[in-house]
Amino acid sequence: MLGQWGDVIRIVPLAGGVANDVWSLRVNGLLAVGRLGARSDADLAWETELLQHLDREGLVVPLPIPTTDGRLFTEGLTVMTYVEGGPPKPQPTGVEWPRHSASCTG
């Protein structure tokens, strides 16, 4: 199935996925991430369109890499650009929020 993206090498499974099988890949020499899950085509179309929109608006997000025939996903598989990052930082709770927001506004 990965061959639909061209020259693909599966590197290692990535930890942290609950509902999906997630792997680091090399796609035509570039680092990427492949995700295989059971989401519907409608869900995957919505997600890939959202990621493209967020990218156009200037946010750093993983972008879907099209298959060699231009599809952004196939049979539950999506291949995206690799984005360096880590776990999200804890957000302030309701009790801490007034103190946190005051420190941001000066």
PDB file of N, CA and C in Angstrom:
ATOM      1  N   MET A   1       0.821  -1.198   0.000  1.00  0.00           N
ATOM      2  CA  MET A   1       0.000   0.000   0.000  1.00  0.00           C
ATOM      3  C   MET A   1       0.866   1.263   0.000  1.00  0.00           C
ATOM      4  N   LEU A   2       1.995   1.235   0.732  1.00  0.00           N
ATOM      5  CA  LEU A   2       2.857   2.421   0.797  1.00  0.00           C
ATOM      6  C   LEU A   2       3.471   2.768  -0.557  1.00  0.00           C
ATOM      7  N   GLY A   3       3.596   1.795  -1.436  1.00  0.00           N
ATOM      8  CA  GLY A   3       4.158   2.036  -2.756  1.00  0.00           C
ATOM      9  C   GLY A   3       3.387   3.065  -3.559  1.00  0.00           C
ATOM     10  N   GLN A   4       2.157   3.352  -3.162  1.00  0.00           N
ATOM     11  CA  GLN A   4       1.355   4.365  -3.853  1.00  0.00           C
ATOM     12  C   GLN A   4       1.919   5.770  -3.655  1.00  0.00           C
ATOM     13  N   TRP A   5       2.892   5.925  -2.742  1.00  0.00           N
ATOM     14  CA  TRP A   5       3.537   7.215  -2.502  1.00  0.00           C
ATOM     15  C   TRP A   5       4.906   7.298  -3.179  1.00  0.00           C
ATOM     16  N   GLY A   6       5.270   6.298  -3.938  1.00  0.00           N
ATOM     17  CA  GLY A   6       6.570   6.304  -4.603  1.00  0.00           C
ATOM     18  C   GLY A   6       7.568   5.447  -3.862  1.00  0.00           C
ATOM     19  N   ASP A   7       8.793   5.934  -3.744  1.00  0.00           N
ATOM     20  CA  ASP A   7       9.866   5.211  -3.070  1.00  0.00           C
ATOM     21  C   ASP A   7       9.729   5.426  -1.566  1.00  0.00           C
ATOM     22  N   VAL A   8       9.216   4.418  -0.854  1.00  0.00           N
ATOM     23  CA  VAL A   8       8.945   4.548   0.585  1.00  0.00           C
ATOM     24  C   VAL A   8       9.710   3.484   1.354  1.00  0.00           C
ATOM     25  N   ILE A   9      10.361   3.917   2.431  1.00  0.00           N
ATOM     26  CA  ILE A   9      11.039   3.015   3.365  1.00  0.00           C
ATOM     27  C   ILE A   9      10.401   3.215   4.734  1.00  0.00           C
ATOM     28  N   ARG A  10       9.889   2.129   5.312  1.00  0.00           N
ATOM     29  CA  ARG A  10       9.337   2.194   6.665  1.00  0.00           C
ATOM     30  C   ARG A  10      10.505   2.093   7.630  1.00  0.00           C
ATOM     31  N   ILE A  11      10.601   3.046   8.591  1.00  0.00           N
ATOM     32  CA  ILE A  11      11.746   3.099   9.497  1.00  0.00           C
ATOM     33  C   ILE A  11      11.418   2.402  10.819  1.00  0.00           C
ATOM     34  N   VAL A  12      10.639   3.048  11.666  1.00  0.00           N
ATOM     35  CA  VAL A  12      10.299   2.465  12.969  1.00  0.00           C
ATOM     36  C   VAL A  12       8.873   2.870  13.341  1.00  0.00           C
ATOM     37  N   PRO A  13       8.208   2.028  14.163  1.00  0.00           N
ATOM     38  CA  PRO A  13       6.902   2.444  14.683  1.00  0.00           C
ATOM     39  C   PRO A  13       7.083   3.591  15.673  1.00  0.00           C
ATOM     40  N   LEU A  14       6.117   4.501  15.700  1.00  0.00           N
ATOM     41  CA  LEU A  14       6.153   5.624  16.638  1.00  0.00           C
ATOM     42  C   LEU A  14       5.203   5.340  17.793  1.00  0.00           C
ATOM     43  N   ALA A  15       5.645   5.664  18.999  1.00  0.00           N
ATOM     44  CA  ALA A  15       4.848   5.423  20.200  1.00  0.00           C
ATOM     45  C   ALA A  15       3.791   6.512  20.360  1.00  0.00           C
ATOM     46  N   GLY A  16       2.794   6.202  21.158  1.00  0.00           N
ATOM     47  CA  GLY A  16       1.813   7.204  21.529  1.00  0.00           C
ATOM     48  C   GLY A  16       0.489   7.072  20.824  1.00  0.00           C
ATOM     49  N   GLY A  17       0.441   6.366  19.716  1.00  0.00           N
ATOM     50  CA  GLY A  17      -0.827   6.195  19.015  1.00  0.00           C
ATOM     51  C   GLY A  17      -1.719   5.220  19.757  1.00  0.00           C
ATOM     52  N   VAL A  18      -2.986   5.552  19.871  1.00  0.00           N
ATOM     53  CA  VAL A  18      -3.923   4.674  20.562  1.00  0.00           C
ATOM     54  C   VAL A  18      -4.780   3.913  19.555  1.00  0.00           C
ATOM     55  N   ALA A  19      -5.355   4.628  18.615  1.00  0.00           N
ATOM     56  CA  ALA A  19      -6.286   4.021  17.671  1.00  0.00           C
ATOM     57  C   ALA A  19      -5.669   3.778  16.296  1.00  0.00           C
ATOM     58  N   ASN A  20      -4.413   4.186  16.088  1.00  0.00           N
ATOM     59  CA  ASN A  20      -3.796   4.094  14.774  1.00  0.00           C
ATOM     60  C   ASN A  20      -2.441   3.404  14.852  1.00  0.00           C
ATOM     61  N   ASP A  21      -2.029   2.843  13.722  1.00  0.00           N
ATOM     62  CA  ASP A  21      -0.682   2.309  13.554  1.00  0.00           C
ATOM     63  C   ASP A  21       0.119   3.433  12.911  1.00  0.00           C
ATOM     64  N   VAL A  22       1.152   3.947  13.612  1.00  0.00           N
ATOM     65  CA  VAL A  22       1.902   5.121  13.153  1.00  0.00           C
ATOM     66  C   VAL A  22       3.382   4.755  13.017  1.00  0.00           C
ATOM     67  N   TRP A  23       3.959   5.111  11.862  1.00  0.00           N
ATOM     68  CA  TRP A  23       5.351   4.784  11.554  1.00  0.00           C
ATOM     69  C   TRP A  23       6.093   6.002  11.042  1.00  0.00           C
ATOM     70  N   SER A  24       7.388   6.068  11.342  1.00  0.00           N
ATOM     71  CA  SER A  24       8.223   7.039  10.638  1.00  0.00           C
ATOM     72  C   SER A  24       8.631   6.385   9.314  1.00  0.00           C
ATOM     73  N   LEU A  25       8.694   7.213   8.282  1.00  0.00           N
ATOM     74  CA  LEU A  25       8.965   6.741   6.924  1.00  0.00           C
ATOM     75  C   LEU A  25       9.971   7.644   6.247  1.00  0.00           C
ATOM     76  N   ARG A  26      10.526   7.170   5.163  1.00  0.00           N
ATOM     77  CA  ARG A  26      11.231   8.014   4.203  1.00  0.00           C
ATOM     78  C   ARG A  26      10.444   7.892   2.913  1.00  0.00           C
ATOM     79  N   VAL A  27       9.951   9.023   2.425  1.00  0.00           N
ATOM     80  CA  VAL A  27       9.181   9.063   1.185  1.00  0.00           C
ATOM     81  C   VAL A  27       9.994   9.862   0.175  1.00  0.00           C
ATOM     82  N   ASN A  28      10.440   9.172  -0.863  1.00  0.00           N
ATOM     83  CA  ASN A  28      11.290   9.807  -1.873  1.00  0.00           C
ATOM     84  C   ASN A  28      12.445  10.576  -1.219  1.00  0.00           C
ATOM     85  N   GLY A  29      13.015   9.970  -0.152  1.00  0.00           N
ATOM     86  CA  GLY A  29      14.176  10.533   0.531  1.00  0.00           C
ATOM     87  C   GLY A  29      13.867  11.491   1.664  1.00  0.00           C
ATOM     88  N   LEU A  30      12.606  11.907   1.834  1.00  0.00           N
ATOM     89  CA  LEU A  30      12.246  12.869   2.880  1.00  0.00           C
ATOM     90  C   LEU A  30      11.599  12.161   4.063  1.00  0.00           C
ATOM     91  N   LEU A  31      11.901  12.634   5.286  1.00  0.00           N
ATOM     92  CA  LEU A  31      11.310  12.077   6.493  1.00  0.00           C
ATOM     93  C   LEU A  31       9.821  12.384   6.515  1.00  0.00           C
ATOM     94  N   ALA A  32       9.007  11.382   6.824  1.00  0.00           N
ATOM     95  CA  ALA A  32       7.547  11.531   6.842  1.00  0.00           C
ATOM     96  C   ALA A  32       6.974  10.618   7.921  1.00  0.00           C
ATOM     97  N   VAL A  33       5.658  10.690   8.095  1.00  0.00           N
ATOM     98  CA  VAL A  33       4.944   9.852   9.056  1.00  0.00           C
ATOM     99  C   VAL A  33       3.757   9.225   8.328  1.00  0.00           C
ATOM    100  N   GLY A  34       3.609   7.928   8.501  1.00  0.00           N
ATOM    101  CA  GLY A  34       2.459   7.223   7.947  1.00  0.00           C
ATOM    102  C   GLY A  34       1.533   6.813   9.066  1.00  0.00           C
ATOM    103  N   ARG A  35       0.241   6.978   8.842  1.00  0.00           N
ATOM    104  CA  ARG A  35      -0.748   6.625   9.870  1.00  0.00           C
ATOM    105  C   ARG A  35      -1.846   5.792   9.220  1.00  0.00           C
ATOM    106  N   LEU A  36      -2.043   4.595   9.746  1.00  0.00           N
ATOM    107  CA  LEU A  36      -3.085   3.703   9.257  1.00  0.00           C
ATOM    108  C   LEU A  36      -4.120   3.520  10.353  1.00  0.00           C
ATOM    109  N   GLY A  37      -5.367   3.805  10.027  1.00  0.00           N
ATOM    110  CA  GLY A  37      -6.438   3.670  11.007  1.00  0.00           C
ATOM    111  C   GLY A  37      -7.733   3.282  10.327  1.00  0.00           C
ATOM    112  N   ALA A  38      -8.805   3.302  11.100  1.00  0.00           N
ATOM    113  CA  ALA A  38     -10.104   2.862  10.611  1.00  0.00           C
ATOM    114  C   ALA A  38     -11.054   4.031  10.341  1.00  0.00           C
ATOM    115  N   ARG A  39     -10.541   5.249  10.241  1.00  0.00           N
ATOM    116  CA  ARG A  39     -11.411   6.405  10.014  1.00  0.00           C
ATOM    117  C   ARG A  39     -11.980   6.375   8.606  1.00  0.00           C
ATOM    118  N   SER A  40     -13.148   6.944   8.466  1.00  0.00           N
ATOM    119  CA  SER A  40     -13.825   6.953   7.169  1.00  0.00           C
ATOM    120  C   SER A  40     -13.134   7.896   6.192  1.00  0.00           C
ATOM    121  N   ASP A  41     -13.410   7.699   4.907  1.00  0.00           N
ATOM    122  CA  ASP A  41     -12.887   8.607   3.888  1.00  0.00           C
ATOM    123  C   ASP A  41     -13.348  10.038   4.144  1.00  0.00           C
ATOM    124  N   ALA A  42     -14.588  10.203   4.605  1.00  0.00           N
ATOM    125  CA  ALA A  42     -15.097  11.552   4.890  1.00  0.00           C
ATOM    126  C   ALA A  42     -14.289  12.204   6.011  1.00  0.00           C
ATOM    127  N   ASP A  43     -13.972  11.442   7.051  1.00  0.00           N
ATOM    128  CA  ASP A  43     -13.156  11.974   8.158  1.00  0.00           C
ATOM    129  C   ASP A  43     -11.763  12.354   7.670  1.00  0.00           C
ATOM    130  N   LEU A  44     -11.152  11.482   6.864  1.00  0.00           N
ATOM    131  CA  LEU A  44      -9.803  11.758   6.373  1.00  0.00           C
ATOM    132  C   LEU A  44      -9.790  12.933   5.408  1.00  0.00           C
ATOM    133  N   ALA A  45     -10.830  13.066   4.592  1.00  0.00           N
ATOM    134  CA  ALA A  45     -10.922  14.221   3.685  1.00  0.00           C
ATOM    135  C   ALA A  45     -11.020  15.504   4.499  1.00  0.00           C
ATOM    136  N   TRP A  46     -11.849  15.504   5.538  1.00  0.00           N
ATOM    137  CA  TRP A  46     -11.998  16.688   6.393  1.00  0.00           C
ATOM    138  C   TRP A  46     -10.662  17.035   7.044  1.00  0.00           C
ATOM    139  N   GLU A  47      -9.981  16.023   7.603  1.00  0.00           N
ATOM    140  CA  GLU A  47      -8.709  16.267   8.293  1.00  0.00           C
ATOM    141  C   GLU A  47      -7.645  16.811   7.332  1.00  0.00           C
ATOM    142  N   THR A  48      -7.496  16.194   6.172  1.00  0.00           N
ATOM    143  CA  THR A  48      -6.453  16.639   5.247  1.00  0.00           C
ATOM    144  C   THR A  48      -6.750  18.038   4.712  1.00  0.00           C
ATOM    145  N   GLU A  49      -8.016  18.342   4.476  1.00  0.00           N
ATOM    146  CA  GLU A  49      -8.383  19.703   4.044  1.00  0.00           C
ATOM    147  C   GLU A  49      -8.105  20.716   5.148  1.00  0.00           C
ATOM    148  N   LEU A  50      -8.398  20.353   6.398  1.00  0.00           N
ATOM    149  CA  LEU A  50      -8.129  21.237   7.528  1.00  0.00           C
ATOM    150  C   LEU A  50      -6.630  21.510   7.653  1.00  0.00           C
ATOM    151  N   LEU A  51      -5.812  20.478   7.562  1.00  0.00           N
ATOM    152  CA  LEU A  51      -4.364  20.673   7.671  1.00  0.00           C
ATOM    153  C   LEU A  51      -3.845  21.589   6.570  1.00  0.00           C
ATOM    154  N   GLN A  52      -4.337  21.426   5.355  1.00  0.00           N
ATOM    155  CA  GLN A  52      -3.921  22.301   4.266  1.00  0.00           C
ATOM    156  C   GLN A  52      -4.355  23.740   4.524  1.00  0.00           C
ATOM    157  N   HIS A  53      -5.559  23.925   5.037  1.00  0.00           N
ATOM    158  CA  HIS A  53      -6.058  25.268   5.368  1.00  0.00           C
ATOM    159  C   HIS A  53      -5.193  25.913   6.446  1.00  0.00           C
ATOM    160  N   LEU A  54      -4.903  25.159   7.518  1.00  0.00           N
ATOM    161  CA  LEU A  54      -4.088  25.705   8.605  1.00  0.00           C
ATOM    162  C   LEU A  54      -2.696  26.093   8.111  1.00  0.00           C
ATOM    163  N   ASP A  55      -2.129  25.289   7.208  1.00  0.00           N
ATOM    164  CA  ASP A  55      -0.829  25.611   6.627  1.00  0.00           C
ATOM    165  C   ASP A  55      -0.903  26.915   5.825  1.00  0.00           C
ATOM    166  N   ARG A  56      -1.948  27.075   5.031  1.00  0.00           N
ATOM    167  CA  ARG A  56      -2.101  28.315   4.248  1.00  0.00           C
ATOM    168  C   ARG A  56      -2.240  29.535   5.142  1.00  0.00           C
ATOM    169  N   GLU A  57      -2.783  29.333   6.354  1.00  0.00           N
ATOM    170  CA  GLU A  57      -2.959  30.437   7.298  1.00  0.00           C
ATOM    171  C   GLU A  57      -1.712  30.672   8.150  1.00  0.00           C
ATOM    172  N   GLY A  58      -0.646  29.904   7.911  1.00  0.00           N
ATOM    173  CA  GLY A  58       0.624  30.154   8.580  1.00  0.00           C
ATOM    174  C   GLY A  58       0.937  29.283   9.782  1.00  0.00           C
ATOM    175  N   LEU A  59       0.097  28.323  10.113  1.00  0.00           N
ATOM    176  CA  LEU A  59       0.394  27.432  11.235  1.00  0.00           C
ATOM    177  C   LEU A  59       1.314  26.319  10.772  1.00  0.00           C
ATOM    178  N   VAL A  60       2.169  25.854  11.670  1.00  0.00           N
ATOM    179  CA  VAL A  60       3.049  24.735  11.366  1.00  0.00           C
ATOM    180  C   VAL A  60       2.296  23.454  11.699  1.00  0.00           C
ATOM    181  N   VAL A  61       1.929  22.714  10.676  1.00  0.00           N
ATOM    182  CA  VAL A  61       1.185  21.466  10.831  1.00  0.00           C
ATOM    183  C   VAL A  61       1.774  20.434   9.866  1.00  0.00           C
ATOM    184  N   PRO A  62       1.582  19.156  10.158  1.00  0.00           N
ATOM    185  CA  PRO A  62       1.996  18.155   9.173  1.00  0.00           C
ATOM    186  C   PRO A  62       1.069  18.246   7.958  1.00  0.00           C
ATOM    187  N   LEU A  63       1.656  18.180   6.778  1.00  0.00           N
ATOM    188  CA  LEU A  63       0.861  18.257   5.556  1.00  0.00           C
ATOM    189  C   LEU A  63       0.747  16.889   4.909  1.00  0.00           C
ATOM    190  N   PRO A  64      -0.431  16.555   4.395  1.00  0.00           N
ATOM    191  CA  PRO A  64      -0.574  15.282   3.692  1.00  0.00           C
ATOM    192  C   PRO A  64       0.296  15.278   2.437  1.00  0.00           C
ATOM    193  N   ILE A  65       0.959  14.177   2.215  1.00  0.00           N
ATOM    194  CA  ILE A  65       1.766  13.980   1.014  1.00  0.00           C
ATOM    195  C   ILE A  65       0.906  13.176   0.043  1.00  0.00           C
ATOM    196  N   PRO A  66       0.664  13.700  -1.148  1.00  0.00           N
ATOM    197  CA  PRO A  66      -0.204  12.978  -2.086  1.00  0.00           C
ATOM    198  C   PRO A  66       0.447  11.694  -2.610  1.00  0.00           C
ATOM    199  N   THR A  67      -0.394  10.729  -2.940  1.00  0.00           N
ATOM    200  CA  THR A  67       0.070   9.527  -3.623  1.00  0.00           C
ATOM    201  C   THR A  67       0.554   9.938  -5.014  1.00  0.00           C
ATOM    202  N   THR A  68       1.156   9.013  -5.731  1.00  0.00           N
ATOM    203  CA  THR A  68       1.655   9.336  -7.068  1.00  0.00           C
ATOM    204  C   THR A  68       0.527   9.733  -8.015  1.00  0.00           C
ATOM    205  N   ASP A  69      -0.728   9.332  -7.704  1.00  0.00           N
ATOM    206  CA  ASP A  69      -1.853   9.749  -8.549  1.00  0.00           C
ATOM    207  C   ASP A  69      -2.666  10.891  -7.933  1.00  0.00           C
ATOM    208  N   GLY A  70      -2.114  11.544  -6.874  1.00  0.00           N
ATOM    209  CA  GLY A  70      -2.711  12.766  -6.338  1.00  0.00           C
ATOM    210  C   GLY A  70      -3.652  12.618  -5.165  1.00  0.00           C
ATOM    211  N   ARG A  71      -3.937  11.402  -4.709  1.00  0.00           N
ATOM    212  CA  ARG A  71      -4.836  11.242  -3.559  1.00  0.00           C
ATOM    213  C   ARG A  71      -4.105  11.579  -2.257  1.00  0.00           C
ATOM    214  N   LEU A  72      -4.836  12.125  -1.280  1.00  0.00           N
ATOM    215  CA  LEU A  72      -4.234  12.504   0.002  1.00  0.00           C
ATOM    216  C   LEU A  72      -4.302  11.381   1.034  1.00  0.00           C
ATOM    217  N   PHE A  73      -5.050  10.330   0.740  1.00  0.00           N
ATOM    218  CA  PHE A  73      -5.152   9.157   1.615  1.00  0.00           C
ATOM    219  C   PHE A  73      -5.727   8.021   0.781  1.00  0.00           C
ATOM    220  N   THR A  74      -5.532   6.815   1.256  1.00  0.00           N
ATOM    221  CA  THR A  74      -6.114   5.653   0.593  1.00  0.00           C
ATOM    222  C   THR A  74      -6.247   4.503   1.579  1.00  0.00           C
ATOM    223  N   GLU A  75      -7.407   3.880   1.598  1.00  0.00           N
ATOM    224  CA  GLU A  75      -7.668   2.708   2.444  1.00  0.00           C
ATOM    225  C   GLU A  75      -7.288   2.947   3.898  1.00  0.00           C
ATOM    226  N   GLY A  76      -7.584   4.143   4.419  1.00  0.00           N
ATOM    227  CA  GLY A  76      -7.302   4.474   5.815  1.00  0.00           C
ATOM    228  C   GLY A  76      -5.880   4.929   6.081  1.00  0.00           C
ATOM    229  N   LEU A  77      -5.037   4.953   5.059  1.00  0.00           N
ATOM    230  CA  LEU A  77      -3.637   5.339   5.218  1.00  0.00           C
ATOM    231  C   LEU A  77      -3.425   6.777   4.771  1.00  0.00           C
ATOM    232  N   THR A  78      -2.797   7.551   5.638  1.00  0.00           N
ATOM    233  CA  THR A  78      -2.413   8.928   5.338  1.00  0.00           C
ATOM    234  C   THR A  78      -0.913   9.043   5.581  1.00  0.00           C
ATOM    235  N   VAL A  79      -0.213   9.682   4.650  1.00  0.00           N
ATOM    236  CA  VAL A  79       1.221   9.927   4.811  1.00  0.00           C
ATOM    237  C   VAL A  79       1.398  11.440   4.878  1.00  0.00           C
ATOM    238  N   MET A  80       2.094  11.906   5.915  1.00  0.00           N
ATOM    239  CA  MET A  80       2.242  13.342   6.139  1.00  0.00           C
ATOM    240  C   MET A  80       3.703  13.721   6.350  1.00  0.00           C
ATOM    241  N   THR A  81       3.977  14.994   6.133  1.00  0.00           N
ATOM    242  CA  THR A  81       5.309  15.505   6.401  1.00  0.00           C
ATOM    243  C   THR A  81       5.610  15.343   7.885  1.00  0.00           C
ATOM    244  N   TYR A  82       6.873  15.182   8.199  1.00  0.00           N
ATOM    245  CA  TYR A  82       7.307  15.069   9.586  1.00  0.00           C
ATOM    246  C   TYR A  82       7.460  16.468  10.166  1.00  0.00           C
ATOM    247  N   VAL A  83       6.914  16.682  11.354  1.00  0.00           N
ATOM    248  CA  VAL A  83       7.064  17.954  12.060  1.00  0.00           C
ATOM    249  C   VAL A  83       7.696  17.653  13.409  1.00  0.00           C
ATOM    250  N   GLU A  84       8.838  18.259  13.676  1.00  0.00           N
ATOM    251  CA  GLU A  84       9.537  18.063  14.949  1.00  0.00           C
ATOM    252  C   GLU A  84       8.677  18.622  16.080  1.00  0.00           C
ATOM    253  N   GLY A  85       8.647  17.940  17.192  1.00  0.00           N
ATOM    254  CA  GLY A  85       7.867  18.444  18.323  1.00  0.00           C
ATOM    255  C   GLY A  85       7.938  17.500  19.497  1.00  0.00           C
ATOM    256  N   GLY A  86       7.117  17.760  20.484  1.00  0.00           N
ATOM    257  CA  GLY A  86       7.062  16.943  21.680  1.00  0.00           C
ATOM    258  C   GLY A  86       5.673  17.005  22.266  1.00  0.00           C
ATOM    259  N   PRO A  87       5.507  16.404  23.416  1.00  0.00           N
ATOM    260  CA  PRO A  87       4.195  16.439  24.061  1.00  0.00           C
ATOM    261  C   PRO A  87       3.783  17.873  24.382  1.00  0.00           C
ATOM    262  N   PRO A  88       2.486  18.147  24.369  1.00  0.00           N
ATOM    263  CA  PRO A  88       2.044  19.494  24.725  1.00  0.00           C
ATOM    264  C   PRO A  88       2.387  19.829  26.164  1.00  0.00           C
ATOM    265  N   LYS A  89       2.617  21.100  26.406  1.00  0.00           N
ATOM    266  CA  LYS A  89       2.881  21.564  27.770  1.00  0.00           C
ATOM    267  C   LYS A  89       1.555  21.635  28.526  1.00  0.00           C
ATOM    268  N   PRO A  90       1.591  21.386  29.841  1.00  0.00           N
ATOM    269  CA  PRO A  90       0.354  21.487  30.625  1.00  0.00           C
ATOM    270  C   PRO A  90      -0.234  22.898  30.514  1.00  0.00           C
ATOM    271  N   GLN A  91      -1.536  22.956  30.408  1.00  0.00           N
ATOM    272  CA  GLN A  91      -2.225  24.240  30.338  1.00  0.00           C
ATOM    273  C   GLN A  91      -2.679  24.645  31.736  1.00  0.00           C
ATOM    274  N   PRO A  92      -2.776  25.944  31.989  1.00  0.00           N
ATOM    275  CA  PRO A  92      -3.235  26.392  33.314  1.00  0.00           C
ATOM    276  C   PRO A  92      -4.666  25.923  33.584  1.00  0.00           C
ATOM    277  N   THR A  93      -4.927  25.564  34.822  1.00  0.00           N
ATOM    278  CA  THR A  93      -6.294  25.206  35.206  1.00  0.00           C
ATOM    279  C   THR A  93      -7.072  26.488  35.452  1.00  0.00           C
ATOM    280  N   GLY A  94      -8.350  26.372  35.682  1.00  0.00           N
ATOM    281  CA  GLY A  94      -9.185  27.544  35.941  1.00  0.00           C
ATOM    282  C   GLY A  94      -8.694  28.378  37.112  1.00  0.00           C
ATOM    283  N   VAL A  95      -8.139  27.733  38.151  1.00  0.00           N
ATOM    284  CA  VAL A  95      -7.649  28.444  39.321  1.00  0.00           C
ATOM    285  C   VAL A  95      -6.398  29.244  38.969  1.00  0.00           C
ATOM    286  N   GLU A  96      -5.543  28.668  38.122  1.00  0.00           N
ATOM    287  CA  GLU A  96      -4.292  29.339  37.780  1.00  0.00           C
ATOM    288  C   GLU A  96      -4.470  30.379  36.674  1.00  0.00           C
ATOM    289  N   TRP A  97      -5.548  30.299  35.919  1.00  0.00           N
ATOM    290  CA  TRP A  97      -5.699  31.137  34.729  1.00  0.00           C
ATOM    291  C   TRP A  97      -5.605  32.642  35.006  1.00  0.00           C
ATOM    292  N   PRO A  98      -6.280  33.198  36.017  1.00  0.00           N
ATOM    293  CA  PRO A  98      -6.146  34.656  36.239  1.00  0.00           C
ATOM    294  C   PRO A  98      -4.705  35.089  36.481  1.00  0.00           C
ATOM    295  N   ARG A  99      -3.954  34.302  37.259  1.00  0.00           N
ATOM    296  CA  ARG A  99      -2.552  34.642  37.499  1.00  0.00           C
ATOM    297  C   ARG A  99      -1.736  34.525  36.216  1.00  0.00           C
ATOM    298  N   HIS A 100      -2.000  33.470  35.435  1.00  0.00           N
ATOM    299  CA  HIS A 100      -1.271  33.274  34.184  1.00  0.00           C
ATOM    300  C   HIS A 100      -1.593  34.383  33.181  1.00  0.00           C
ATOM    301  N   SER A 101      -2.853  34.731  33.028  1.00  0.00           N
ATOM    302  CA  SER A 101      -3.212  35.762  32.051  1.00  0.00           C
ATOM    303  C   SER A 101      -2.683  37.126  32.480  1.00  0.00           C
ATOM    304  N   ALA A 102      -2.629  37.394  33.788  1.00  0.00           N
ATOM    305  CA  ALA A 102      -2.078  38.670  34.258  1.00  0.00           C
ATOM    306  C   ALA A 102      -0.601  38.762  33.921  1.00  0.00           C
ATOM    307  N   SER A 103       0.121  37.639  33.992  1.00  0.00           N
ATOM    308  CA  SER A 103       1.545  37.680  33.670  1.00  0.00           C
ATOM    309  C   SER A 103       1.770  37.899  32.171  1.00  0.00           C
ATOM    310  N   CYS A 104       0.800  37.552  31.366  1.00  0.00           N
ATOM    311  CA  CYS A 104       0.927  37.747  29.917  1.00  0.00           C
ATOM    312  C   CYS A 104       0.605  39.177  29.499  1.00  0.00           C
ATOM    313  N   THR A 105      -0.242  39.848  30.253  1.00  0.00           N
ATOM    314  CA  THR A 105      -0.670  41.192  29.869  1.00  0.00           C
ATOM    315  C   THR A 105       0.179  42.278  30.536  1.00  0.00           C
ATOM    316  N   GLY A 106       1.012  41.889  31.451  1.00  0.00           N
ATOM    317  CA  GLY A 106       1.911  42.852  32.061  1.00  0.00           C
ATOM    318  C   GLY A 106       1.308  43.441  33.263  1.00  0.00           C
TER     319      GLY A 106
END
